[in-house]
Amino acid sequence: MTGHEEASAQLTISFGGWGASSNAPRWWIFIEARPTVDSYEMMVREPEESLYFGEGLLGRGVGRNEALTNEHTSDFFAVADCIAFNDPAVKSYLSGKAVDLVGRQSTV
């Protein structure tokens, strides 16, 4: 999807109000996390690279430049870090191990 051959986890993170009664606009960013020798690095990508591009449910896709100058930049990186540190599948994948689903809650 991003044209890179190395492993990466791709996260689409949405912020704002939900539902017809919400006055808060909804928007989303697309982050790619790549493993490094002892951790991982994250990079904001363009919304057109996300599988969710064009889907209205998550709100307006925010481009890299806008995302990095947004007042909520630290918030969406905190959410991405929380996923990378706490989701067993993402954490194991970014650690270079076999994907571990143990402890992951089912959404069904």
PDB file of N, CA and C in Angstrom:
ATOM      1  N   MET A   1       0.812  -1.190   0.000  1.00  0.00           N
ATOM      2  CA  MET A   1       0.000   0.000   0.000  1.00  0.00           C
ATOM      3  C   MET A   1       0.857   1.256   0.000  1.00  0.00           C
ATOM      4  N   THR A   2       1.978   1.254   0.680  1.00  0.00           N
ATOM      5  CA  THR A   2       2.810   2.446   0.714  1.00  0.00           C
ATOM      6  C   THR A   2       4.015   2.317  -0.210  1.00  0.00           C
ATOM      7  N   GLY A   3       4.165   1.201  -0.869  1.00  0.00           N
ATOM      8  CA  GLY A   3       5.270   1.019  -1.786  1.00  0.00           C
ATOM      9  C   GLY A   3       6.563   0.556  -1.134  1.00  0.00           C
ATOM     10  N   HIS A   4       6.539   0.274   0.163  1.00  0.00           N
ATOM     11  CA  HIS A   4       7.734  -0.187   0.874  1.00  0.00           C
ATOM     12  C   HIS A   4       7.667  -1.697   1.045  1.00  0.00           C
ATOM     13  N   GLU A   5       8.825  -2.346   0.964  1.00  0.00           N
ATOM     14  CA  GLU A   5       8.857  -3.799   1.092  1.00  0.00           C
ATOM     15  C   GLU A   5       8.961  -4.254   2.535  1.00  0.00           C
ATOM     16  N   GLU A   6       9.494  -3.407   3.434  1.00  0.00           N
ATOM     17  CA  GLU A   6       9.641  -3.829   4.817  1.00  0.00           C
ATOM     18  C   GLU A   6       8.284  -3.855   5.531  1.00  0.00           C
ATOM     19  N   ALA A   7       8.249  -4.585   6.623  1.00  0.00           N
ATOM     20  CA  ALA A   7       7.023  -4.730   7.396  1.00  0.00           C
ATOM     21  C   ALA A   7       6.587  -3.389   7.971  1.00  0.00           C
ATOM     22  N   SER A   8       5.281  -3.196   8.037  1.00  0.00           N
ATOM     23  CA  SER A   8       4.747  -2.005   8.690  1.00  0.00           C
ATOM     24  C   SER A   8       3.328  -2.279   9.148  1.00  0.00           C
ATOM     25  N   ALA A   9       2.935  -1.584  10.198  1.00  0.00           N
ATOM     26  CA  ALA A   9       1.556  -1.608  10.673  1.00  0.00           C
ATOM     27  C   ALA A   9       0.947  -0.274  10.270  1.00  0.00           C
ATOM     28  N   GLN A  10      -0.235  -0.316   9.693  1.00  0.00           N
ATOM     29  CA  GLN A  10      -0.872   0.900   9.217  1.00  0.00           C
ATOM     30  C   GLN A  10      -2.094   1.183  10.067  1.00  0.00           C
ATOM     31  N   LEU A  11      -2.114   2.379  10.661  1.00  0.00           N
ATOM     32  CA  LEU A  11      -3.156   2.761  11.610  1.00  0.00           C
ATOM     33  C   LEU A  11      -3.927   3.958  11.074  1.00  0.00           C
ATOM     34  N   THR A  12      -5.242   3.848  11.053  1.00  0.00           N
ATOM     35  CA  THR A  12      -6.102   4.967  10.709  1.00  0.00           C
ATOM     36  C   THR A  12      -6.822   5.357  11.992  1.00  0.00           C
ATOM     37  N   ILE A  13      -6.575   6.591  12.454  1.00  0.00           N
ATOM     38  CA  ILE A  13      -7.085   7.038  13.744  1.00  0.00           C
ATOM     39  C   ILE A  13      -8.014   8.216  13.524  1.00  0.00           C
ATOM     40  N   SER A  14      -9.249   8.104  14.034  1.00  0.00           N
ATOM     41  CA  SER A  14     -10.279   9.113  13.820  1.00  0.00           C
ATOM     42  C   SER A  14     -10.596   9.847  15.118  1.00  0.00           C
ATOM     43  N   PHE A  15     -10.823  11.157  15.013  1.00  0.00           N
ATOM     44  CA  PHE A  15     -11.124  12.021  16.155  1.00  0.00           C
ATOM     45  C   PHE A  15     -12.375  12.838  15.874  1.00  0.00           C
ATOM     46  N   GLY A  16     -13.042  13.289  16.937  1.00  0.00           N
ATOM     47  CA  GLY A  16     -14.172  14.194  16.794  1.00  0.00           C
ATOM     48  C   GLY A  16     -15.451  13.600  17.321  1.00  0.00           C
ATOM     49  N   GLY A  17     -16.550  14.243  17.003  1.00  0.00           N
ATOM     50  CA  GLY A  17     -17.863  13.816  17.481  1.00  0.00           C
ATOM     51  C   GLY A  17     -18.435  12.681  16.659  1.00  0.00           C
ATOM     52  N   TRP A  18     -19.314  11.907  17.268  1.00  0.00           N
ATOM     53  CA  TRP A  18     -19.998  10.806  16.591  1.00  0.00           C
ATOM     54  C   TRP A  18     -21.481  11.122  16.513  1.00  0.00           C
ATOM     55  N   GLY A  19     -22.126  10.678  15.477  1.00  0.00           N
ATOM     56  CA  GLY A  19     -23.565  10.736  15.363  1.00  0.00           C
ATOM     57  C   GLY A  19     -24.085  12.052  14.821  1.00  0.00           C
ATOM     58  N   ALA A  20     -25.355  12.023  14.436  1.00  0.00           N
ATOM     59  CA  ALA A  20     -25.995  13.185  13.821  1.00  0.00           C
ATOM     60  C   ALA A  20     -26.154  14.339  14.800  1.00  0.00           C
ATOM     61  N   SER A  21     -26.221  14.051  16.095  1.00  0.00           N
ATOM     62  CA  SER A  21     -26.434  15.111  17.076  1.00  0.00           C
ATOM     63  C   SER A  21     -25.149  15.825  17.488  1.00  0.00           C
ATOM     64  N   SER A  22     -24.001  15.350  17.025  1.00  0.00           N
ATOM     65  CA  SER A  22     -22.728  15.947  17.409  1.00  0.00           C
ATOM     66  C   SER A  22     -22.432  17.172  16.544  1.00  0.00           C
ATOM     67  N   ASN A  23     -21.982  18.228  17.204  1.00  0.00           N
ATOM     68  CA  ASN A  23     -21.572  19.441  16.492  1.00  0.00           C
ATOM     69  C   ASN A  23     -20.078  19.437  16.193  1.00  0.00           C
ATOM     70  N   ALA A  24     -19.344  18.496  16.788  1.00  0.00           N
ATOM     71  CA  ALA A  24     -17.897  18.434  16.592  1.00  0.00           C
ATOM     72  C   ALA A  24     -17.578  17.749  15.260  1.00  0.00           C
ATOM     73  N   PRO A  25     -16.760  18.370  14.421  1.00  0.00           N
ATOM     74  CA  PRO A  25     -16.396  17.711  13.161  1.00  0.00           C
ATOM     75  C   PRO A  25     -15.520  16.482  13.415  1.00  0.00           C
ATOM     76  N   ARG A  26     -15.617  15.514  12.548  1.00  0.00           N
ATOM     77  CA  ARG A  26     -14.839  14.290  12.666  1.00  0.00           C
ATOM     78  C   ARG A  26     -13.761  14.300  11.583  1.00  0.00           C
ATOM     79  N   TRP A  27     -12.549  13.879  11.942  1.00  0.00           N
ATOM     80  CA  TRP A  27     -11.427  13.839  10.995  1.00  0.00           C
ATOM     81  C   TRP A  27     -10.524  12.679  11.360  1.00  0.00           C
ATOM     82  N   TRP A  28      -9.665  12.272  10.427  1.00  0.00           N
ATOM     83  CA  TRP A  28      -8.794  11.125  10.682  1.00  0.00           C
ATOM     84  C   TRP A  28      -7.422  11.331  10.051  1.00  0.00           C
ATOM     85  N   ILE A  29      -6.466  10.594  10.606  1.00  0.00           N
ATOM     86  CA  ILE A  29      -5.103  10.595  10.086  1.00  0.00           C
ATOM     87  C   ILE A  29      -4.674   9.146   9.828  1.00  0.00           C
ATOM     88  N   PHE A  30      -3.700   8.997   8.966  1.00  0.00           N
ATOM     89  CA  PHE A  30      -3.176   7.688   8.611  1.00  0.00           C
ATOM     90  C   PHE A  30      -1.710   7.645   9.019  1.00  0.00           C
ATOM     91  N   ILE A  31      -1.349   6.689   9.870  1.00  0.00           N
ATOM     92  CA  ILE A  31       0.014   6.551  10.383  1.00  0.00           C
ATOM     93  C   ILE A  31       0.566   5.182   9.985  1.00  0.00           C
ATOM     94  N   GLU A  32       1.818   5.173   9.585  1.00  0.00           N
ATOM     95  CA  GLU A  32       2.515   3.923   9.313  1.00  0.00           C
ATOM     96  C   GLU A  32       3.576   3.731  10.387  1.00  0.00           C
ATOM     97  N   ALA A  33       3.547   2.576  11.043  1.00  0.00           N
ATOM     98  CA  ALA A  33       4.551   2.237  12.066  1.00  0.00           C
ATOM     99  C   ALA A  33       5.448   1.148  11.488  1.00  0.00           C
ATOM    100  N   ARG A  34       6.758   1.383  11.553  1.00  0.00           N
ATOM    101  CA  ARG A  34       7.732   0.411  11.054  1.00  0.00           C
ATOM    102  C   ARG A  34       8.656  -0.015  12.184  1.00  0.00           C
ATOM    103  N   PRO A  35       8.968  -1.303  12.236  1.00  0.00           N
ATOM    104  CA  PRO A  35       9.896  -1.773  13.274  1.00  0.00           C
ATOM    105  C   PRO A  35      11.297  -1.213  13.058  1.00  0.00           C
ATOM    106  N   THR A  36      11.988  -0.958  14.164  1.00  0.00           N
ATOM    107  CA  THR A  36      13.407  -0.600  14.143  1.00  0.00           C
ATOM    108  C   THR A  36      14.139  -1.680  14.934  1.00  0.00           C
ATOM    109  N   VAL A  37      15.432  -1.532  15.129  1.00  0.00           N
ATOM    110  CA  VAL A  37      16.221  -2.544  15.829  1.00  0.00           C
ATOM    111  C   VAL A  37      15.666  -2.822  17.224  1.00  0.00           C
ATOM    112  N   ASP A  38      15.314  -1.787  17.970  1.00  0.00           N
ATOM    113  CA  ASP A  38      14.867  -2.006  19.350  1.00  0.00           C
ATOM    114  C   ASP A  38      13.500  -1.399  19.673  1.00  0.00           C
ATOM    115  N   SER A  39      12.775  -0.909  18.666  1.00  0.00           N
ATOM    116  CA  SER A  39      11.467  -0.320  18.917  1.00  0.00           C
ATOM    117  C   SER A  39      10.711  -0.204  17.592  1.00  0.00           C
ATOM    118  N   TYR A  40      10.157   0.949  17.313  1.00  0.00           N
ATOM    119  CA  TYR A  40       9.467   1.215  16.061  1.00  0.00           C
ATOM    120  C   TYR A  40       9.489   2.719  15.828  1.00  0.00           C
ATOM    121  N   GLU A  41       9.229   3.120  14.592  1.00  0.00           N
ATOM    122  CA  GLU A  41       9.110   4.535  14.259  1.00  0.00           C
ATOM    123  C   GLU A  41       7.763   4.734  13.582  1.00  0.00           C
ATOM    124  N   MET A  42       7.215   5.928  13.736  1.00  0.00           N
ATOM    125  CA  MET A  42       5.919   6.231  13.142  1.00  0.00           C
ATOM    126  C   MET A  42       6.032   7.416  12.210  1.00  0.00           C
ATOM    127  N   MET A  43       5.230   7.359  11.152  1.00  0.00           N
ATOM    128  CA  MET A  43       5.216   8.431  10.179  1.00  0.00           C
ATOM    129  C   MET A  43       3.787   8.680   9.727  1.00  0.00           C
ATOM    130  N   VAL A  44       3.384   9.930   9.719  1.00  0.00           N
ATOM    131  CA  VAL A  44       2.072  10.284   9.201  1.00  0.00           C
ATOM    132  C   VAL A  44       2.139  10.198   7.683  1.00  0.00           C
ATOM    133  N   ARG A  45       1.187   9.509   7.106  1.00  0.00           N
ATOM    134  CA  ARG A  45       1.113   9.338   5.652  1.00  0.00           C
ATOM    135  C   ARG A  45      -0.049  10.174   5.104  1.00  0.00           C
ATOM    136  N   GLU A  46      -0.152  10.230   3.801  1.00  0.00           N
ATOM    137  CA  GLU A  46      -1.243  10.951   3.162  1.00  0.00           C
ATOM    138  C   GLU A  46      -2.526  10.117   3.221  1.00  0.00           C
ATOM    139  N   PRO A  47      -3.677  10.757   3.373  1.00  0.00           N
ATOM    140  CA  PRO A  47      -4.931  10.005   3.508  1.00  0.00           C
ATOM    141  C   PRO A  47      -5.251   9.132   2.295  1.00  0.00           C
ATOM    142  N   GLU A  48      -4.807   9.528   1.120  1.00  0.00           N
ATOM    143  CA  GLU A  48      -5.070   8.745  -0.092  1.00  0.00           C
ATOM    144  C   GLU A  48      -4.433   7.361  -0.041  1.00  0.00           C
ATOM    145  N   GLU A  49      -3.456   7.158   0.830  1.00  0.00           N
ATOM    146  CA  GLU A  49      -2.786   5.863   0.946  1.00  0.00           C
ATOM    147  C   GLU A  49      -3.539   4.883   1.845  1.00  0.00           C
ATOM    148  N   SER A  50      -4.524   5.367   2.583  1.00  0.00           N
ATOM    149  CA  SER A  50      -5.283   4.533   3.514  1.00  0.00           C
ATOM    150  C   SER A  50      -6.403   3.790   2.803  1.00  0.00           C
ATOM    151  N   LEU A  51      -6.699   2.593   3.287  1.00  0.00           N
ATOM    152  CA  LEU A  51      -7.855   1.843   2.775  1.00  0.00           C
ATOM    153  C   LEU A  51      -9.164   2.577   3.062  1.00  0.00           C
ATOM    154  N   TYR A  52      -9.157   3.498   4.007  1.00  0.00           N
ATOM    155  CA  TYR A  52     -10.368   4.214   4.394  1.00  0.00           C
ATOM    156  C   TYR A  52     -10.574   5.511   3.629  1.00  0.00           C
ATOM    157  N   PHE A  53      -9.685   5.835   2.704  1.00  0.00           N
ATOM    158  CA  PHE A  53      -9.830   7.056   1.921  1.00  0.00           C
ATOM    159  C   PHE A  53     -11.143   7.015   1.141  1.00  0.00           C
ATOM    160  N   GLY A  54     -11.902   8.075   1.229  1.00  0.00           N
ATOM    161  CA  GLY A  54     -13.188   8.146   0.540  1.00  0.00           C
ATOM    162  C   GLY A  54     -14.355   7.637   1.351  1.00  0.00           C
ATOM    163  N   GLU A  55     -14.090   7.046   2.514  1.00  0.00           N
ATOM    164  CA  GLU A  55     -15.162   6.568   3.392  1.00  0.00           C
ATOM    165  C   GLU A  55     -15.588   7.716   4.305  1.00  0.00           C
ATOM    166  N   GLY A  56     -16.837   8.073   4.285  1.00  0.00           N
ATOM    167  CA  GLY A  56     -17.324   9.206   5.068  1.00  0.00           C
ATOM    168  C   GLY A  56     -17.454   8.949   6.557  1.00  0.00           C
ATOM    169  N   LEU A  57     -17.554   7.702   6.966  1.00  0.00           N
ATOM    170  CA  LEU A  57     -17.798   7.377   8.369  1.00  0.00           C
ATOM    171  C   LEU A  57     -16.761   7.972   9.317  1.00  0.00           C
ATOM    172  N   LEU A  58     -15.500   7.973   8.930  1.00  0.00           N
ATOM    173  CA  LEU A  58     -14.435   8.440   9.816  1.00  0.00           C
ATOM    174  C   LEU A  58     -14.216   9.946   9.751  1.00  0.00           C
ATOM    175  N   GLY A  59     -14.904  10.622   8.869  1.00  0.00           N
ATOM    176  CA  GLY A  59     -14.749  12.064   8.732  1.00  0.00           C
ATOM    177  C   GLY A  59     -13.823  12.417   7.585  1.00  0.00           C
ATOM    178  N   ARG A  60     -13.210  13.572   7.696  1.00  0.00           N
ATOM    179  CA  ARG A  60     -12.327  14.087   6.651  1.00  0.00           C
ATOM    180  C   ARG A  60     -10.904  13.588   6.884  1.00  0.00           C
ATOM    181  N   GLY A  61     -10.294  13.022   5.853  1.00  0.00           N
ATOM    182  CA  GLY A  61      -8.900  12.596   5.933  1.00  0.00           C
ATOM    183  C   GLY A  61      -7.985  13.808   5.925  1.00  0.00           C
ATOM    184  N   VAL A  62      -7.063  13.865   6.891  1.00  0.00           N
ATOM    185  CA  VAL A  62      -6.154  14.999   7.035  1.00  0.00           C
ATOM    186  C   VAL A  62      -4.788  14.612   6.485  1.00  0.00           C
ATOM    187  N   GLY A  63      -4.232  15.461   5.628  1.00  0.00           N
ATOM    188  CA  GLY A  63      -2.926  15.221   5.034  1.00  0.00           C
ATOM    189  C   GLY A  63      -1.794  15.377   6.041  1.00  0.00           C
ATOM    190  N   ARG A  64      -0.627  14.908   5.661  1.00  0.00           N
ATOM    191  CA  ARG A  64       0.554  14.913   6.519  1.00  0.00           C
ATOM    192  C   ARG A  64       0.897  16.304   7.059  1.00  0.00           C
ATOM    193  N   ASN A  65       0.989  17.296   6.193  1.00  0.00           N
ATOM    194  CA  ASN A  65       1.367  18.638   6.645  1.00  0.00           C
ATOM    195  C   ASN A  65       0.374  19.209   7.649  1.00  0.00           C
ATOM    196  N   GLU A  66      -0.905  19.054   7.344  1.00  0.00           N
ATOM    197  CA  GLU A  66      -1.930  19.553   8.267  1.00  0.00           C
ATOM    198  C   GLU A  66      -1.895  18.788   9.592  1.00  0.00           C
ATOM    199  N   ALA A  67      -1.713  17.486   9.512  1.00  0.00           N
ATOM    200  CA  ALA A  67      -1.688  16.667  10.734  1.00  0.00           C
ATOM    201  C   ALA A  67      -0.530  17.056  11.649  1.00  0.00           C
ATOM    202  N   LEU A  68       0.633  17.304  11.060  1.00  0.00           N
ATOM    203  CA  LEU A  68       1.815  17.610  11.874  1.00  0.00           C
ATOM    204  C   LEU A  68       1.797  19.022  12.459  1.00  0.00           C
ATOM    205  N   THR A  69       0.916  19.876  11.974  1.00  0.00           N
ATOM    206  CA  THR A  69       0.791  21.220  12.540  1.00  0.00           C
ATOM    207  C   THR A  69      -0.495  21.375  13.327  1.00  0.00           C
ATOM    208  N   ASN A  70      -1.262  20.315  13.450  1.00  0.00           N
ATOM    209  CA  ASN A  70      -2.531  20.320  14.164  1.00  0.00           C
ATOM    210  C   ASN A  70      -2.301  20.395  15.665  1.00  0.00           C
ATOM    211  N   GLU A  71      -3.207  21.054  16.380  1.00  0.00           N
ATOM    212  CA  GLU A  71      -3.082  21.162  17.837  1.00  0.00           C
ATOM    213  C   GLU A  71      -3.205  19.810  18.540  1.00  0.00           C
ATOM    214  N   HIS A  72      -3.696  18.791  17.841  1.00  0.00           N
ATOM    215  CA  HIS A  72      -3.891  17.467  18.437  1.00  0.00           C
ATOM    216  C   HIS A  72      -2.809  16.467  18.039  1.00  0.00           C
ATOM    217  N   THR A  73      -1.709  16.938  17.493  1.00  0.00           N
ATOM    218  CA  THR A  73      -0.634  16.036  17.049  1.00  0.00           C
ATOM    219  C   THR A  73      -0.192  15.088  18.150  1.00  0.00           C
ATOM    220  N   SER A  74       0.052  15.606  19.344  1.00  0.00           N
ATOM    221  CA  SER A  74       0.505  14.729  20.434  1.00  0.00           C
ATOM    222  C   SER A  74      -0.580  13.728  20.823  1.00  0.00           C
ATOM    223  N   ASP A  75      -1.851  14.099  20.670  1.00  0.00           N
ATOM    224  CA  ASP A  75      -2.949  13.193  21.002  1.00  0.00           C
ATOM    225  C   ASP A  75      -2.984  11.990  20.060  1.00  0.00           C
ATOM    226  N   PHE A  76      -2.888  12.220  18.740  1.00  0.00           N
ATOM    227  CA  PHE A  76      -2.990  11.067  17.857  1.00  0.00           C
ATOM    228  C   PHE A  76      -1.743  10.202  17.896  1.00  0.00           C
ATOM    229  N   PHE A  77      -0.583  10.778  18.196  1.00  0.00           N
ATOM    230  CA  PHE A  77       0.600   9.923  18.396  1.00  0.00           C
ATOM    231  C   PHE A  77       0.468   9.131  19.696  1.00  0.00           C
ATOM    232  N   ALA A  78      -0.175   9.700  20.717  1.00  0.00           N
ATOM    233  CA  ALA A  78      -0.402   8.970  21.970  1.00  0.00           C
ATOM    234  C   ALA A  78      -1.337   7.783  21.732  1.00  0.00           C
ATOM    235  N   VAL A  79      -2.371   7.976  20.921  1.00  0.00           N
ATOM    236  CA  VAL A  79      -3.279   6.870  20.595  1.00  0.00           C
ATOM    237  C   VAL A  79      -2.524   5.789  19.819  1.00  0.00           C
ATOM    238  N   ALA A  80      -1.717   6.192  18.840  1.00  0.00           N
ATOM    239  CA  ALA A  80      -0.932   5.225  18.055  1.00  0.00           C
ATOM    240  C   ALA A  80       0.047   4.465  18.944  1.00  0.00           C
ATOM    241  N   ASP A  81       0.714   5.165  19.874  1.00  0.00           N
ATOM    242  CA  ASP A  81       1.629   4.500  20.808  1.00  0.00           C
ATOM    243  C   ASP A  81       0.877   3.517  21.695  1.00  0.00           C
ATOM    244  N   CYS A  82      -0.307   3.903  22.146  1.00  0.00           N
ATOM    245  CA  CYS A  82      -1.114   3.008  22.990  1.00  0.00           C
ATOM    246  C   CYS A  82      -1.432   1.717  22.236  1.00  0.00           C
ATOM    247  N   ILE A  83      -1.778   1.831  20.969  1.00  0.00           N
ATOM    248  CA  ILE A  83      -2.053   0.643  20.156  1.00  0.00           C
ATOM    249  C   ILE A  83      -0.790  -0.204  20.017  1.00  0.00           C
ATOM    250  N   ALA A  84       0.327   0.433  19.668  1.00  0.00           N
ATOM    251  CA  ALA A  84       1.583  -0.297  19.442  1.00  0.00           C
ATOM    252  C   ALA A  84       2.094  -0.976  20.707  1.00  0.00           C
ATOM    253  N   PHE A  85       1.884  -0.366  21.868  1.00  0.00           N
ATOM    254  CA  PHE A  85       2.367  -0.940  23.129  1.00  0.00           C
ATOM    255  C   PHE A  85       1.410  -1.960  23.743  1.00  0.00           C
ATOM    256  N   ASN A  86       0.104  -1.857  23.427  1.00  0.00           N
ATOM    257  CA  ASN A  86      -0.879  -2.659  24.145  1.00  0.00           C
ATOM    258  C   ASN A  86      -1.646  -3.684  23.324  1.00  0.00           C
ATOM    259  N   ASP A  87      -1.747  -3.516  22.032  1.00  0.00           N
ATOM    260  CA  ASP A  87      -2.433  -4.514  21.222  1.00  0.00           C
ATOM    261  C   ASP A  87      -1.451  -5.655  20.964  1.00  0.00           C
ATOM    262  N   PRO A  88      -1.753  -6.867  21.441  1.00  0.00           N
ATOM    263  CA  PRO A  88      -0.787  -7.959  21.321  1.00  0.00           C
ATOM    264  C   PRO A  88      -0.382  -8.255  19.879  1.00  0.00           C
ATOM    265  N   ALA A  89      -1.310  -8.155  18.950  1.00  0.00           N
ATOM    266  CA  ALA A  89      -0.982  -8.450  17.556  1.00  0.00           C
ATOM    267  C   ALA A  89      -0.042  -7.404  16.974  1.00  0.00           C
ATOM    268  N   VAL A  90      -0.336  -6.135  17.198  1.00  0.00           N
ATOM    269  CA  VAL A  90       0.503  -5.054  16.667  1.00  0.00           C
ATOM    270  C   VAL A  90       1.861  -5.058  17.361  1.00  0.00           C
ATOM    271  N   LYS A  91       1.849  -5.214  18.671  1.00  0.00           N
ATOM    272  CA  LYS A  91       3.104  -5.204  19.438  1.00  0.00           C
ATOM    273  C   LYS A  91       4.040  -6.325  18.988  1.00  0.00           C
ATOM    274  N   SER A  92       3.503  -7.534  18.850  1.00  0.00           N
ATOM    275  CA  SER A  92       4.346  -8.668  18.433  1.00  0.00           C
ATOM    276  C   SER A  92       4.838  -8.476  17.001  1.00  0.00           C
ATOM    277  N   TYR A  93       3.999  -7.976  16.142  1.00  0.00           N
ATOM    278  CA  TYR A  93       4.384  -7.749  14.752  1.00  0.00           C
ATOM    279  C   TYR A  93       5.509  -6.723  14.649  1.00  0.00           C
ATOM    280  N   LEU A  94       5.376  -5.601  15.367  1.00  0.00           N
ATOM    281  CA  LEU A  94       6.409  -4.562  15.329  1.00  0.00           C
ATOM    282  C   LEU A  94       7.695  -4.999  16.033  1.00  0.00           C
ATOM    283  N   SER A  95       7.599  -6.032  16.873  1.00  0.00           N
ATOM    284  CA  SER A  95       8.780  -6.570  17.544  1.00  0.00           C
ATOM    285  C   SER A  95       9.496  -7.614  16.691  1.00  0.00           C
ATOM    286  N   GLY A  96       8.943  -7.916  15.517  1.00  0.00           N
ATOM    287  CA  GLY A  96       9.565  -8.887  14.622  1.00  0.00           C
ATOM    288  C   GLY A  96       9.252 -10.322  14.981  1.00  0.00           C
ATOM    289  N   LYS A  97       8.258 -10.518  15.842  1.00  0.00           N
ATOM    290  CA  LYS A  97       7.869 -11.865  16.261  1.00  0.00           C
ATOM    291  C   LYS A  97       6.629 -12.310  15.474  1.00  0.00           C
ATOM    292  N   ALA A  98       6.263 -13.559  15.657  1.00  0.00           N
ATOM    293  CA  ALA A  98       5.020 -14.043  15.065  1.00  0.00           C
ATOM    294  C   ALA A  98       3.862 -13.258  15.670  1.00  0.00           C
ATOM    295  N   VAL A  99       2.859 -12.976  14.875  1.00  0.00           N
ATOM    296  CA  VAL A  99       1.711 -12.208  15.358  1.00  0.00           C
ATOM    297  C   VAL A  99       1.007 -12.992  16.456  1.00  0.00           C
ATOM    298  N   ASP A 100       0.861 -12.352  17.608  1.00  0.00           N
ATOM    299  CA  ASP A 100       0.267 -12.961  18.796  1.00  0.00           C
ATOM    300  C   ASP A 100      -1.108 -12.370  19.041  1.00  0.00           C
ATOM    301  N   LEU A 101      -2.144 -13.203  18.925  1.00  0.00           N
ATOM    302  CA  LEU A 101      -3.510 -12.732  19.144  1.00  0.00           C
ATOM    303  C   LEU A 101      -4.007 -12.998  20.554  1.00  0.00           C
ATOM    304  N   VAL A 102      -3.195 -13.679  21.380  1.00  0.00           N
ATOM    305  CA  VAL A 102      -3.623 -14.013  22.738  1.00  0.00           C
ATOM    306  C   VAL A 102      -3.819 -12.723  23.533  1.00  0.00           C
ATOM    307  N   GLY A 103      -4.974 -12.612  24.156  1.00  0.00           N
ATOM    308  CA  GLY A 103      -5.271 -11.433  24.960  1.00  0.00           C
ATOM    309  C   GLY A 103      -5.975 -10.340  24.184  1.00  0.00           C
ATOM    310  N   ARG A 104      -6.134 -10.522  22.902  1.00  0.00           N
ATOM    311  CA  ARG A 104      -6.836  -9.539  22.086  1.00  0.00           C
ATOM    312  C   ARG A 104      -8.328  -9.793  22.215  1.00  0.00           C
ATOM    313  N   GLN A 105      -9.076  -8.748  22.492  1.00  0.00           N
ATOM    314  CA  GLN A 105     -10.516  -8.888  22.679  1.00  0.00           C
ATOM    315  C   GLN A 105     -11.214  -8.985  21.337  1.00  0.00           C
ATOM    316  N   SER A 106     -12.197  -9.859  21.261  1.00  0.00           N
ATOM    317  CA  SER A 106     -12.986 -10.009  20.044  1.00  0.00           C
ATOM    318  C   SER A 106     -13.973  -8.854  19.928  1.00  0.00           C
ATOM    319  N   THR A 107     -14.200  -8.383  18.706  1.00  0.00           N
ATOM    320  CA  THR A 107     -15.170  -7.311  18.497  1.00  0.00           C
ATOM    321  C   THR A 107     -16.501  -7.867  18.032  1.00  0.00           C
ATOM    322  N   VAL A 108     -16.623  -9.188  17.990  1.00  0.00           N
ATOM    323  CA  VAL A 108     -17.864  -9.820  17.515  1.00  0.00           C
ATOM    324  C   VAL A 108     -18.800 -10.024  18.674  1.00  0.00           C
TER     325      VAL A 108
END
